[in-house]
Amino acid sequence: MELNTGPGYLKHSITFLNFLNMSRIGKKVITLPANVTLTVSPSNEVTVKGPKGELKQQIDRDLKVEIEGTEVTITRPTDQIRHRALHGLTRSLVNNMVVGVTDGYELKLELVGVGYRAAVTGQQLDLALGYSHNIIIEMPKEVTATAVMEKGKPPLVTLTSIDKQLVGQVAAKVRSMRKPEPYKGKGVRFQGEVIRRKAGKTAGK
C-alpha cells in the first residue's frame, strides 16, 4: 500500500501534532502556592487571590475546573477540535493568573535614539521619541510604570502588573509609538530584543 507523503499529508500531520501539544498542556496540573486561593463560580468564572492581588477570568462553560487541595486540573468534555484548542488555552490562562498574583509580570523597554527620554508622573508615561511633541500614554490602574535614565545608557521603561495579557498589550502599545527601524536601530524595543539590521544604500558604493 502506498503511503500519502505529499504536502497535504505533512500539513495535516503538523496540525495534528499541534493539537496533541495543546492537549498535553491542558492536562498539566496547576499547583497552588500556600498563599494563593482559587475559586470557581456557578457561571464558570475563575477567581484567583494572592499576595499581589486578585484576578478573574471567565472560562468556557464546556470546560471544567477541578480543585483538589492545592492541585487544579482542567478537563474537557470531548476530543473535538474546539475543545482541544480551548483545553490548552484555558490551562495557560489559569496558570498565568496564579503566577501573576504570586510573582507578577515585568516587561522592560529601551528607548534607543539621540534625545529620547522617558518620565512617569502618576499613571502617565511621558515619552520624547524624536517627534515635534511628547507622547503621553495613560497607564491602566493595574499596570505600574517606572522610568530610569542613566548616563551612557538608553532610557529604560519598566512595566509591571499581575495581569500578563494586560502588561503585554501596554508594552506593545508603547513600542508601537516608535518601532525600531532597521538601519540605525533607533526606536523603542524590548530589552534584549534583536533587531535585524539593513546595510543601507551607501553600503553598496
Protein backbone atom coordinates (compact mmCIF):
# COMPACT_ATOMS: atom_id res chain seq x y z
CA MET A 1 0.00 0.00 0.00
CA GLU A 2 1.39 3.41 -0.99
CA LEU A 3 1.66 5.98 1.79
CA ASN A 4 0.48 9.56 1.27
CA THR A 5 3.53 11.73 1.97
CA GLY A 6 2.63 14.82 -0.07
CA PRO A 7 2.42 18.46 1.15
CA GLY A 8 -1.17 17.98 2.30
CA TYR A 9 -0.19 14.98 4.42
CA LEU A 10 2.61 16.97 6.06
CA LYS A 11 0.30 19.91 6.76
CA HIS A 12 -2.34 17.73 8.42
CA SER A 13 0.34 15.89 10.41
CA ILE A 14 1.73 19.16 11.79
CA THR A 15 -1.80 20.33 12.68
CA PHE A 16 -2.49 17.04 14.47
CA LEU A 17 0.76 17.34 16.43
CA ASN A 18 -0.16 20.90 17.44
CA PHE A 19 -3.44 19.63 18.85
CA LEU A 20 -1.59 16.92 20.76
CA ASN A 21 0.70 19.57 22.26
CA MET A 22 -2.31 21.63 23.32
CA SER A 23 -3.76 18.52 24.91
CA ARG A 24 -0.55 17.91 26.87
CA ILE A 25 -0.57 21.49 28.13
CA GLY A 26 -4.21 21.19 29.15
CA LYS A 27 -3.56 18.01 31.15
CA LYS A 28 -0.79 19.58 33.24
CA VAL A 29 -1.72 20.04 36.88
CA ILE A 30 -1.54 23.58 38.29
CA THR A 31 -0.10 23.64 41.81
CA LEU A 32 -1.33 26.48 44.02
CA PRO A 33 1.23 28.10 46.35
CA ALA A 34 0.34 28.19 50.04
CA ASN A 35 -0.73 31.85 49.93
CA VAL A 36 -2.95 31.58 46.82
CA THR A 37 -6.63 30.61 46.67
CA LEU A 38 -8.68 29.69 43.58
CA THR A 39 -12.46 29.56 43.37
CA VAL A 40 -14.92 28.84 40.54
CA SER A 41 -18.39 30.43 40.37
CA PRO A 42 -21.51 28.66 39.05
CA SER A 43 -21.10 30.67 35.81
CA ASN A 44 -17.57 29.22 35.42
CA GLU A 45 -15.74 32.40 36.37
CA VAL A 46 -12.35 31.65 37.93
CA THR A 47 -11.10 33.94 40.72
CA VAL A 48 -7.51 33.75 41.92
CA LYS A 49 -6.36 35.65 45.01
CA GLY A 50 -2.75 36.01 46.13
CA PRO A 51 -0.31 38.33 47.89
CA LYS A 52 -0.13 40.69 44.88
CA GLY A 53 -3.85 40.99 44.19
CA GLU A 54 -6.86 39.34 42.62
CA LEU A 55 -7.62 38.26 39.04
CA LYS A 56 -10.81 36.98 37.41
CA GLN A 57 -11.27 35.09 34.15
CA GLN A 58 -14.44 33.80 32.51
CA ILE A 59 -13.91 30.20 31.38
CA ASP A 60 -15.84 28.48 28.58
CA ARG A 61 -18.82 26.63 30.06
CA ASP A 62 -17.84 23.38 28.30
CA LEU A 63 -14.62 23.11 30.33
CA LYS A 64 -14.46 22.07 33.95
CA VAL A 65 -12.04 23.43 36.56
CA GLU A 66 -11.48 20.89 39.35
CA ILE A 67 -9.78 21.75 42.65
CA GLU A 68 -8.34 19.07 44.92
CA GLY A 69 -6.37 20.54 47.79
CA THR A 70 -3.59 22.59 46.20
CA GLU A 71 -3.92 20.99 42.77
CA VAL A 72 -6.06 22.39 39.94
CA THR A 73 -6.87 20.46 36.77
CA ILE A 74 -8.77 21.50 33.65
CA THR A 75 -10.86 18.84 31.89
CA ARG A 76 -12.66 18.92 28.53
CA PRO A 77 -15.86 17.02 27.67
CA THR A 78 -14.81 15.72 24.23
CA ASP A 79 -11.84 15.49 21.86
CA GLN A 80 -13.39 17.86 19.35
CA ILE A 81 -11.03 20.37 17.72
CA ARG A 82 -12.66 23.28 19.55
CA HIS A 83 -12.40 21.59 22.94
CA ARG A 84 -8.78 20.59 22.30
CA ALA A 85 -7.85 24.18 21.50
CA LEU A 86 -9.72 25.59 24.49
CA HIS A 87 -8.22 22.99 26.82
CA GLY A 88 -4.61 24.14 26.44
CA LEU A 89 -5.57 27.82 26.26
CA THR A 90 -7.65 27.69 29.44
CA ARG A 91 -4.95 25.88 31.38
CA SER A 92 -2.40 28.52 30.31
CA LEU A 93 -4.71 31.39 31.27
CA VAL A 94 -5.40 29.98 34.74
CA ASN A 95 -1.71 29.22 35.32
CA ASN A 96 -0.80 32.78 34.25
CA MET A 97 -3.25 34.10 36.83
CA VAL A 98 -1.64 32.02 39.58
CA VAL A 99 1.84 33.22 38.62
CA GLY A 100 0.59 36.81 38.34
CA VAL A 101 -0.87 37.05 41.85
CA THR A 102 2.21 35.29 43.24
CA ASP A 103 5.19 36.85 41.45
CA GLY A 104 3.72 39.32 38.96
CA TYR A 105 4.98 40.08 35.45
CA GLU A 106 7.57 42.59 34.29
CA LEU A 107 8.49 43.89 30.84
CA LYS A 108 11.31 46.32 30.08
CA LEU A 109 11.62 48.58 27.05
CA GLU A 110 14.67 50.53 25.90
CA LEU A 111 14.42 53.88 24.12
CA VAL A 112 17.28 53.89 21.62
CA GLY A 113 17.87 57.25 19.96
CA VAL A 114 19.52 60.64 20.46
CA GLY A 115 17.38 62.83 22.71
CA TYR A 116 14.95 60.06 23.59
CA ARG A 117 13.64 60.46 27.12
CA ALA A 118 11.03 58.95 29.42
CA ALA A 119 9.36 60.12 32.62
CA VAL A 120 6.48 58.86 34.74
CA THR A 121 4.01 61.09 36.59
CA GLY A 122 1.34 59.14 38.44
CA GLN A 123 -0.22 56.83 35.84
CA GLN A 124 1.06 58.83 32.88
CA LEU A 125 4.10 57.80 30.85
CA ASP A 126 5.73 60.79 29.11
CA LEU A 127 7.88 59.84 26.10
CA ALA A 128 10.15 62.01 23.97
CA LEU A 129 10.81 59.94 20.83
CA GLY A 130 12.15 62.47 18.33
CA TYR A 131 8.78 63.87 17.29
CA SER A 132 7.83 67.56 17.47
CA HIS A 133 5.78 66.77 20.58
CA ASN A 134 5.96 64.42 23.53
CA ILE A 135 3.74 61.34 23.66
CA ILE A 136 1.64 60.87 26.79
CA ILE A 137 0.32 57.37 27.47
CA GLU A 138 -2.22 56.83 30.26
CA MET A 139 -1.41 53.62 32.11
CA PRO A 140 -4.23 51.34 33.26
CA LYS A 141 -4.55 51.25 37.03
CA GLU A 142 -3.46 47.59 37.00
CA VAL A 143 -0.10 48.48 35.40
CA THR A 144 2.77 50.29 37.13
CA ALA A 145 5.36 52.10 35.04
CA THR A 146 8.81 53.34 36.06
CA ALA A 147 11.44 55.14 34.01
CA VAL A 148 15.20 55.12 34.60
CA MET A 149 17.64 57.49 32.92
CA GLU A 150 21.31 56.55 33.35
CA LYS A 151 24.24 58.29 31.72
CA GLY A 152 25.65 56.31 28.80
CA LYS A 153 22.63 54.01 28.63
CA PRO A 154 19.33 54.31 26.75
CA PRO A 155 16.31 55.28 28.88
CA LEU A 156 14.64 52.21 30.36
CA VAL A 157 10.89 51.90 30.92
CA THR A 158 9.71 49.07 33.18
CA LEU A 159 6.09 47.90 33.20
CA THR A 160 4.83 45.63 35.98
CA SER A 161 1.44 44.04 36.58
CA ILE A 162 -0.21 40.88 37.85
CA ASP A 163 -2.08 40.58 34.54
CA LYS A 164 0.18 39.05 31.87
CA GLN A 165 -2.14 39.86 28.97
CA LEU A 166 -2.64 43.47 30.01
CA VAL A 167 1.03 44.27 30.60
CA GLY A 168 1.86 42.71 27.24
CA GLN A 169 -0.75 44.86 25.49
CA VAL A 170 0.52 48.04 27.14
CA ALA A 171 4.14 47.20 26.28
CA ALA A 172 3.15 46.58 22.65
CA LYS A 173 1.38 49.96 22.57
CA VAL A 174 4.45 51.75 23.94
CA ARG A 175 6.68 50.00 21.39
CA SER A 176 4.31 50.96 18.56
CA MET A 177 4.87 54.65 19.30
CA ARG A 178 8.27 54.32 17.58
CA LYS A 179 9.05 50.86 16.28
CA PRO A 180 12.79 50.10 15.80
CA GLU A 181 13.92 50.98 12.29
CA PRO A 182 16.26 48.51 10.54
CA TYR A 183 19.09 50.88 9.50
CA LYS A 184 20.31 52.53 12.71
CA GLY A 185 18.17 50.57 15.13
CA LYS A 186 16.52 53.68 16.58
CA GLY A 187 13.20 53.27 18.32
CA VAL A 188 11.52 51.56 21.25
CA ARG A 189 12.50 47.92 21.72
CA PHE A 190 12.08 45.23 24.33
CA GLN A 191 15.19 44.77 26.42
CA GLY A 192 17.27 42.05 24.80
CA GLU A 193 15.30 42.21 21.54
CA VAL A 194 17.46 41.60 18.46
CA ILE A 195 16.75 43.96 15.56
CA ARG A 196 17.57 42.70 12.08
CA ARG A 197 19.68 45.45 10.55
CA LYS A 198 19.90 46.50 6.92
CA ALA A 199 23.07 47.80 5.30
CA GLY A 200 21.53 50.86 3.65
CA LYS A 201 22.08 52.37 0.20
CA THR A 202 25.60 53.69 0.85
CA ALA A 203 26.91 50.22 1.75
CA GLY A 204 26.96 49.13 -1.90
CA LYS A 205 29.09 52.02 -3.10
